[in-house]
Amino acid sequence: MSTHERTMAYASALFEVARSEGSLAEVEDELFRFARTLEGSDELRSALTDPMLPVSRRQQIVEDLLGGRANPLTTALVSMVVGSGRARDLPAIIDELVKLSAAEANKEVAEVRSAIPLDDDQKARLADALGKATGKTVEVKVIVDPSVLGGVVAQVGDTVIDGTVRTKLDRLKTAF
């Protein structure tokens, strides 16, 4: 089985469990945020993928991070993937799960980077604007990224819409 096939199999299994438990939207969102945290932290990624650490210790790290802060199902799913030795593939697995969820709702996923968290109203308005810009029904997933400075950069499929202050400043520098 190829890595891609294994990733798809895990994503499909996680998706089915979350859907059958009736908490797909919440769990999917929490998994998405965990994947971005994992990608952004070399220390966390090393700890969860270290073969020298017993599996129980790696799963305890997940429990310490997510327990009480996330849906118990989110914690259980991440712990299961870590326990099976697939922590390194977790971001790819979760990204596939997000795509499966969006496809079921006949939506496209918009990955939005913003300097600050967005509230539900801001996400809804952004989803509407991105939907009009791309001609697709869009589900917004926000990644808080202080390097953005202000504004947002959104990616819907292969389309990137950059409305960040940093980009505008860079364009001004180039113009001068």
C-alpha atoms as a PDB file:
ATOM      1  CA  MET A   1       0.000   0.000   0.000  1.00  0.00           C
ATOM      2  CA  SER A   2       1.467   3.381  -1.005  1.00  0.00           C
ATOM      3  CA  THR A   3       1.775   6.273   1.432  1.00  0.00           C
ATOM      4  CA  HIS A   4      -1.004   8.107  -0.428  1.00  0.00           C
ATOM      5  CA  GLU A   5      -3.326   5.083  -0.235  1.00  0.00           C
ATOM      6  CA  ARG A   6      -2.571   4.695   3.469  1.00  0.00           C
ATOM      7  CA  THR A   7      -3.229   8.419   4.039  1.00  0.00           C
ATOM      8  CA  MET A   8      -6.547   8.149   2.208  1.00  0.00           C
ATOM      9  CA  ALA A   9      -7.523   5.032   4.191  1.00  0.00           C
ATOM     10  CA  TYR A  10      -6.814   6.751   7.522  1.00  0.00           C
ATOM     11  CA  ALA A  11      -8.599   9.943   6.423  1.00  0.00           C
ATOM     12  CA  SER A  12     -11.631   7.965   5.327  1.00  0.00           C
ATOM     13  CA  ALA A  13     -11.719   6.021   8.605  1.00  0.00           C
ATOM     14  CA  LEU A  14     -11.411   9.175  10.740  1.00  0.00           C
ATOM     15  CA  PHE A  15     -14.069  10.877   8.623  1.00  0.00           C
ATOM     16  CA  GLU A  16     -16.513   7.970   9.020  1.00  0.00           C
ATOM     17  CA  VAL A  17     -15.998   7.803  12.789  1.00  0.00           C
ATOM     18  CA  ALA A  18     -16.501  11.577  13.247  1.00  0.00           C
ATOM     19  CA  ARG A  19     -19.562  11.549  10.978  1.00  0.00           C
ATOM     20  CA  SER A  20     -21.137   8.563  12.718  1.00  0.00           C
ATOM     21  CA  GLU A  21     -20.599  10.215  16.120  1.00  0.00           C
ATOM     22  CA  GLY A  22     -22.430  13.307  14.867  1.00  0.00           C
ATOM     23  CA  SER A  23     -19.583  15.690  15.625  1.00  0.00           C
ATOM     24  CA  LEU A  24     -17.924  15.925  12.215  1.00  0.00           C
ATOM     25  CA  ALA A  25     -17.783  19.740  11.952  1.00  0.00           C
ATOM     26  CA  GLU A  26     -16.300  20.279  15.420  1.00  0.00           C
ATOM     27  CA  VAL A  27     -13.848  17.372  15.227  1.00  0.00           C
ATOM     28  CA  GLU A  28     -12.779  18.298  11.702  1.00  0.00           C
ATOM     29  CA  ASP A  29     -12.057  21.872  12.782  1.00  0.00           C
ATOM     30  CA  GLU A  30     -10.093  20.750  15.850  1.00  0.00           C
ATOM     31  CA  LEU A  31      -8.118  18.224  13.802  1.00  0.00           C
ATOM     32  CA  PHE A  32      -7.325  20.909  11.227  1.00  0.00           C
ATOM     33  CA  ARG A  33      -5.984  23.232  13.948  1.00  0.00           C
ATOM     34  CA  PHE A  34      -3.977  20.373  15.507  1.00  0.00           C
ATOM     35  CA  ALA A  35      -2.414  19.566  12.125  1.00  0.00           C
ATOM     36  CA  ARG A  36      -1.332  23.189  11.673  1.00  0.00           C
ATOM     37  CA  THR A  37       0.118  23.203  15.218  1.00  0.00           C
ATOM     38  CA  LEU A  38       2.001  19.989  14.475  1.00  0.00           C
ATOM     39  CA  GLU A  39       3.397  21.438  11.231  1.00  0.00           C
ATOM     40  CA  GLY A  40       4.515  24.579  13.048  1.00  0.00           C
ATOM     41  CA  SER A  41       6.268  22.891  15.975  1.00  0.00           C
ATOM     42  CA  ASP A  42       9.446  20.902  15.371  1.00  0.00           C
ATOM     43  CA  GLU A  43       9.490  19.993  19.071  1.00  0.00           C
ATOM     44  CA  LEU A  44       5.967  18.528  19.024  1.00  0.00           C
ATOM     45  CA  ARG A  45       6.533  16.724  15.725  1.00  0.00           C
ATOM     46  CA  SER A  46       9.780  15.215  17.083  1.00  0.00           C
ATOM     47  CA  ALA A  47       8.116  14.085  20.299  1.00  0.00           C
ATOM     48  CA  LEU A  48       5.167  12.436  18.539  1.00  0.00           C
ATOM     49  CA  THR A  49       7.340  10.663  15.970  1.00  0.00           C
ATOM     50  CA  ASP A  50      10.274   9.647  18.212  1.00  0.00           C
ATOM     51  CA  PRO A  51      10.579   5.837  18.024  1.00  0.00           C
ATOM     52  CA  MET A  52      12.641   5.914  21.227  1.00  0.00           C
ATOM     53  CA  LEU A  53       9.620   7.186  23.200  1.00  0.00           C
ATOM     54  CA  PRO A  54       7.145   4.453  24.125  1.00  0.00           C
ATOM     55  CA  VAL A  55       3.810   4.700  22.298  1.00  0.00           C
ATOM     56  CA  SER A  56       2.042   5.226  25.620  1.00  0.00           C
ATOM     57  CA  ARG A  57       4.219   8.298  26.303  1.00  0.00           C
ATOM     58  CA  ARG A  58       3.512   9.749  22.839  1.00  0.00           C
ATOM     59  CA  GLN A  59      -0.220   9.200  23.393  1.00  0.00           C
ATOM     60  CA  GLN A  60       0.057  10.856  26.821  1.00  0.00           C
ATOM     61  CA  ILE A  61       1.520  13.949  25.091  1.00  0.00           C
ATOM     62  CA  VAL A  62      -1.595  14.069  22.892  1.00  0.00           C
ATOM     63  CA  GLU A  63      -3.819  13.674  25.951  1.00  0.00           C
ATOM     64  CA  ASP A  64      -1.916  16.438  27.801  1.00  0.00           C
ATOM     65  CA  LEU A  65      -2.268  18.790  24.826  1.00  0.00           C
ATOM     66  CA  LEU A  66      -5.877  18.112  23.840  1.00  0.00           C
ATOM     67  CA  GLY A  67      -7.581  16.550  26.861  1.00  0.00           C
ATOM     68  CA  GLY A  68     -10.220  18.896  28.271  1.00  0.00           C
ATOM     69  CA  ARG A  69      -9.637  21.431  25.477  1.00  0.00           C
ATOM     70  CA  ALA A  70     -10.904  19.431  22.519  1.00  0.00           C
ATOM     71  CA  ASN A  71     -13.788  17.101  21.834  1.00  0.00           C
ATOM     72  CA  PRO A  72     -12.894  13.700  23.380  1.00  0.00           C
ATOM     73  CA  LEU A  73     -13.294  12.167  19.915  1.00  0.00           C
ATOM     74  CA  THR A  74     -10.648  14.528  18.494  1.00  0.00           C
ATOM     75  CA  THR A  75      -8.238  13.473  21.229  1.00  0.00           C
ATOM     76  CA  ALA A  76      -9.025   9.781  20.669  1.00  0.00           C
ATOM     77  CA  LEU A  77      -8.530  10.026  16.890  1.00  0.00           C
ATOM     78  CA  VAL A  78      -5.191  11.840  17.159  1.00  0.00           C
ATOM     79  CA  SER A  79      -4.083   9.378  19.843  1.00  0.00           C
ATOM     80  CA  MET A  80      -5.052   6.435  17.621  1.00  0.00           C
ATOM     81  CA  VAL A  81      -3.019   7.775  14.667  1.00  0.00           C
ATOM     82  CA  VAL A  82      -0.032   8.507  16.929  1.00  0.00           C
ATOM     83  CA  GLY A  83      -0.368   5.033  18.482  1.00  0.00           C
ATOM     84  CA  SER A  84      -0.262   3.411  15.049  1.00  0.00           C
ATOM     85  CA  GLY A  85       3.042   5.141  14.307  1.00  0.00           C
ATOM     86  CA  ARG A  86       1.588   7.528  11.717  1.00  0.00           C
ATOM     87  CA  ALA A  87       2.076  10.869  13.533  1.00  0.00           C
ATOM     88  CA  ARG A  88       4.338  12.101  10.717  1.00  0.00           C
ATOM     89  CA  ASP A  89       1.442  11.610   8.254  1.00  0.00           C
ATOM     90  CA  LEU A  90      -1.142  13.273  10.510  1.00  0.00           C
ATOM     91  CA  PRO A  91      -1.266  16.655   8.678  1.00  0.00           C
ATOM     92  CA  ALA A  92      -1.758  14.915   5.309  1.00  0.00           C
ATOM     93  CA  ILE A  93      -4.378  12.553   6.781  1.00  0.00           C
ATOM     94  CA  ILE A  94      -6.283  15.465   8.322  1.00  0.00           C
ATOM     95  CA  ASP A  95      -6.085  17.544   5.131  1.00  0.00           C
ATOM     96  CA  GLU A  96      -7.653  14.618   3.239  1.00  0.00           C
ATOM     97  CA  LEU A  97     -10.360  14.308   5.911  1.00  0.00           C
ATOM     98  CA  VAL A  98     -11.145  18.034   5.515  1.00  0.00           C
ATOM     99  CA  LYS A  99     -11.448  17.554   1.740  1.00  0.00           C
ATOM    100  CA  LEU A 100     -13.755  14.562   2.221  1.00  0.00           C
ATOM    101  CA  SER A 101     -15.942  16.575   4.579  1.00  0.00           C
ATOM    102  CA  ALA A 102     -16.079  19.550   2.211  1.00  0.00           C
ATOM    103  CA  ALA A 103     -16.865  17.318  -0.755  1.00  0.00           C
ATOM    104  CA  GLU A 104     -19.734  15.695   1.139  1.00  0.00           C
ATOM    105  CA  ALA A 105     -21.179  19.153   1.788  1.00  0.00           C
ATOM    106  CA  ASN A 106     -20.464  20.057  -1.862  1.00  0.00           C
ATOM    107  CA  LYS A 107     -18.007  22.734  -0.736  1.00  0.00           C
ATOM    108  CA  GLU A 108     -14.441  23.745  -1.493  1.00  0.00           C
ATOM    109  CA  VAL A 109     -12.026  24.352   1.419  1.00  0.00           C
ATOM    110  CA  ALA A 110     -10.496  27.823   1.693  1.00  0.00           C
ATOM    111  CA  GLU A 111      -7.349  27.855   3.821  1.00  0.00           C
ATOM    112  CA  VAL A 112      -7.121  31.404   5.161  1.00  0.00           C
ATOM    113  CA  ARG A 113      -4.092  32.861   6.936  1.00  0.00           C
ATOM    114  CA  SER A 114      -4.850  35.786   9.217  1.00  0.00           C
ATOM    115  CA  ALA A 115      -2.783  37.671  11.805  1.00  0.00           C
ATOM    116  CA  ILE A 116      -5.652  37.304  14.295  1.00  0.00           C
ATOM    117  CA  PRO A 117      -8.438  34.764  14.914  1.00  0.00           C
ATOM    118  CA  LEU A 118     -11.650  35.471  12.981  1.00  0.00           C
ATOM    119  CA  ASP A 119     -15.080  35.294  14.596  1.00  0.00           C
ATOM    120  CA  ASP A 120     -17.990  33.388  13.038  1.00  0.00           C
ATOM    121  CA  ASP A 121     -19.422  36.510  11.365  1.00  0.00           C
ATOM    122  CA  GLN A 122     -16.061  37.371   9.789  1.00  0.00           C
ATOM    123  CA  LYS A 123     -15.644  33.770   8.591  1.00  0.00           C
ATOM    124  CA  ALA A 124     -19.143  33.799   7.075  1.00  0.00           C
ATOM    125  CA  ARG A 125     -18.515  37.091   5.249  1.00  0.00           C
ATOM    126  CA  LEU A 126     -15.143  35.842   4.040  1.00  0.00           C
ATOM    127  CA  ALA A 127     -16.692  32.564   2.836  1.00  0.00           C
ATOM    128  CA  ASP A 128     -19.318  34.566   0.942  1.00  0.00           C
ATOM    129  CA  ALA A 129     -16.706  36.853  -0.657  1.00  0.00           C
ATOM    130  CA  LEU A 130     -14.438  33.934  -1.590  1.00  0.00           C
ATOM    131  CA  GLY A 131     -17.433  32.063  -2.961  1.00  0.00           C
ATOM    132  CA  LYS A 132     -18.262  34.987  -5.230  1.00  0.00           C
ATOM    133  CA  ALA A 133     -14.608  35.343  -6.271  1.00  0.00           C
ATOM    134  CA  THR A 134     -14.177  31.654  -7.113  1.00  0.00           C
ATOM    135  CA  GLY A 135     -17.693  30.659  -8.132  1.00  0.00           C
ATOM    136  CA  LYS A 136     -17.652  27.874  -5.531  1.00  0.00           C
ATOM    137  CA  THR A 137     -19.351  27.273  -2.201  1.00  0.00           C
ATOM    138  CA  VAL A 138     -16.540  27.740   0.295  1.00  0.00           C
ATOM    139  CA  GLU A 139     -15.820  26.505   3.810  1.00  0.00           C
ATOM    140  CA  VAL A 140     -13.244  28.710   5.563  1.00  0.00           C
ATOM    141  CA  LYS A 141     -10.476  27.195   7.708  1.00  0.00           C
ATOM    142  CA  VAL A 142      -8.435  29.856   9.504  1.00  0.00           C
ATOM    143  CA  ILE A 143      -4.751  29.568  10.351  1.00  0.00           C
ATOM    144  CA  VAL A 144      -3.544  32.298  12.699  1.00  0.00           C
ATOM    145  CA  ASP A 145      -0.212  33.511  11.304  1.00  0.00           C
ATOM    146  CA  PRO A 146       1.286  36.664  12.877  1.00  0.00           C
ATOM    147  CA  SER A 147       3.670  37.073   9.908  1.00  0.00           C
ATOM    148  CA  VAL A 148       0.665  38.138   7.823  1.00  0.00           C
ATOM    149  CA  LEU A 149       0.680  41.495   9.740  1.00  0.00           C
ATOM    150  CA  GLY A 150      -2.879  42.381   8.690  1.00  0.00           C
ATOM    151  CA  GLY A 151      -5.457  41.310   6.134  1.00  0.00           C
ATOM    152  CA  VAL A 152      -5.698  37.735   4.925  1.00  0.00           C
ATOM    153  CA  VAL A 153      -4.292  35.383   2.330  1.00  0.00           C
ATOM    154  CA  ALA A 154      -6.723  32.721   1.133  1.00  0.00           C
ATOM    155  CA  GLN A 155      -6.143  29.606  -0.920  1.00  0.00           C
ATOM    156  CA  VAL A 156      -9.079  27.834  -2.556  1.00  0.00           C
ATOM    157  CA  GLY A 157      -7.778  24.860  -4.513  1.00  0.00           C
ATOM    158  CA  ASP A 158      -5.052  26.298  -6.764  1.00  0.00           C
ATOM    159  CA  THR A 159      -6.327  29.890  -6.491  1.00  0.00           C
ATOM    160  CA  VAL A 160      -4.485  32.205  -4.085  1.00  0.00           C
ATOM    161  CA  ILE A 161      -5.997  35.539  -3.122  1.00  0.00           C
ATOM    162  CA  ASP A 162      -3.515  37.699  -1.218  1.00  0.00           C
ATOM    163  CA  GLY A 163      -4.885  40.739   0.571  1.00  0.00           C
ATOM    164  CA  THR A 164      -2.221  41.026   3.253  1.00  0.00           C
ATOM    165  CA  VAL A 165      -0.582  44.193   4.472  1.00  0.00           C
ATOM    166  CA  ARG A 166       2.821  42.518   3.999  1.00  0.00           C
ATOM    167  CA  THR A 167       2.154  41.960   0.284  1.00  0.00           C
ATOM    168  CA  LYS A 168       0.901  45.516  -0.179  1.00  0.00           C
ATOM    169  CA  LEU A 169       4.048  46.832   1.545  1.00  0.00           C
ATOM    170  CA  ASP A 170       6.240  44.622  -0.654  1.00  0.00           C
ATOM    171  CA  ARG A 171       4.493  45.978  -3.755  1.00  0.00           C
ATOM    172  CA  LEU A 172       5.094  49.535  -2.579  1.00  0.00           C
ATOM    173  CA  LYS A 173       8.802  48.809  -2.021  1.00  0.00           C
ATOM    174  CA  THR A 174       9.034  47.345  -5.521  1.00  0.00           C
ATOM    175  CA  ALA A 175       7.284  50.382  -6.997  1.00  0.00           C
ATOM    176  CA  PHE A 176       9.885  52.684  -5.421  1.00  0.00           C
END
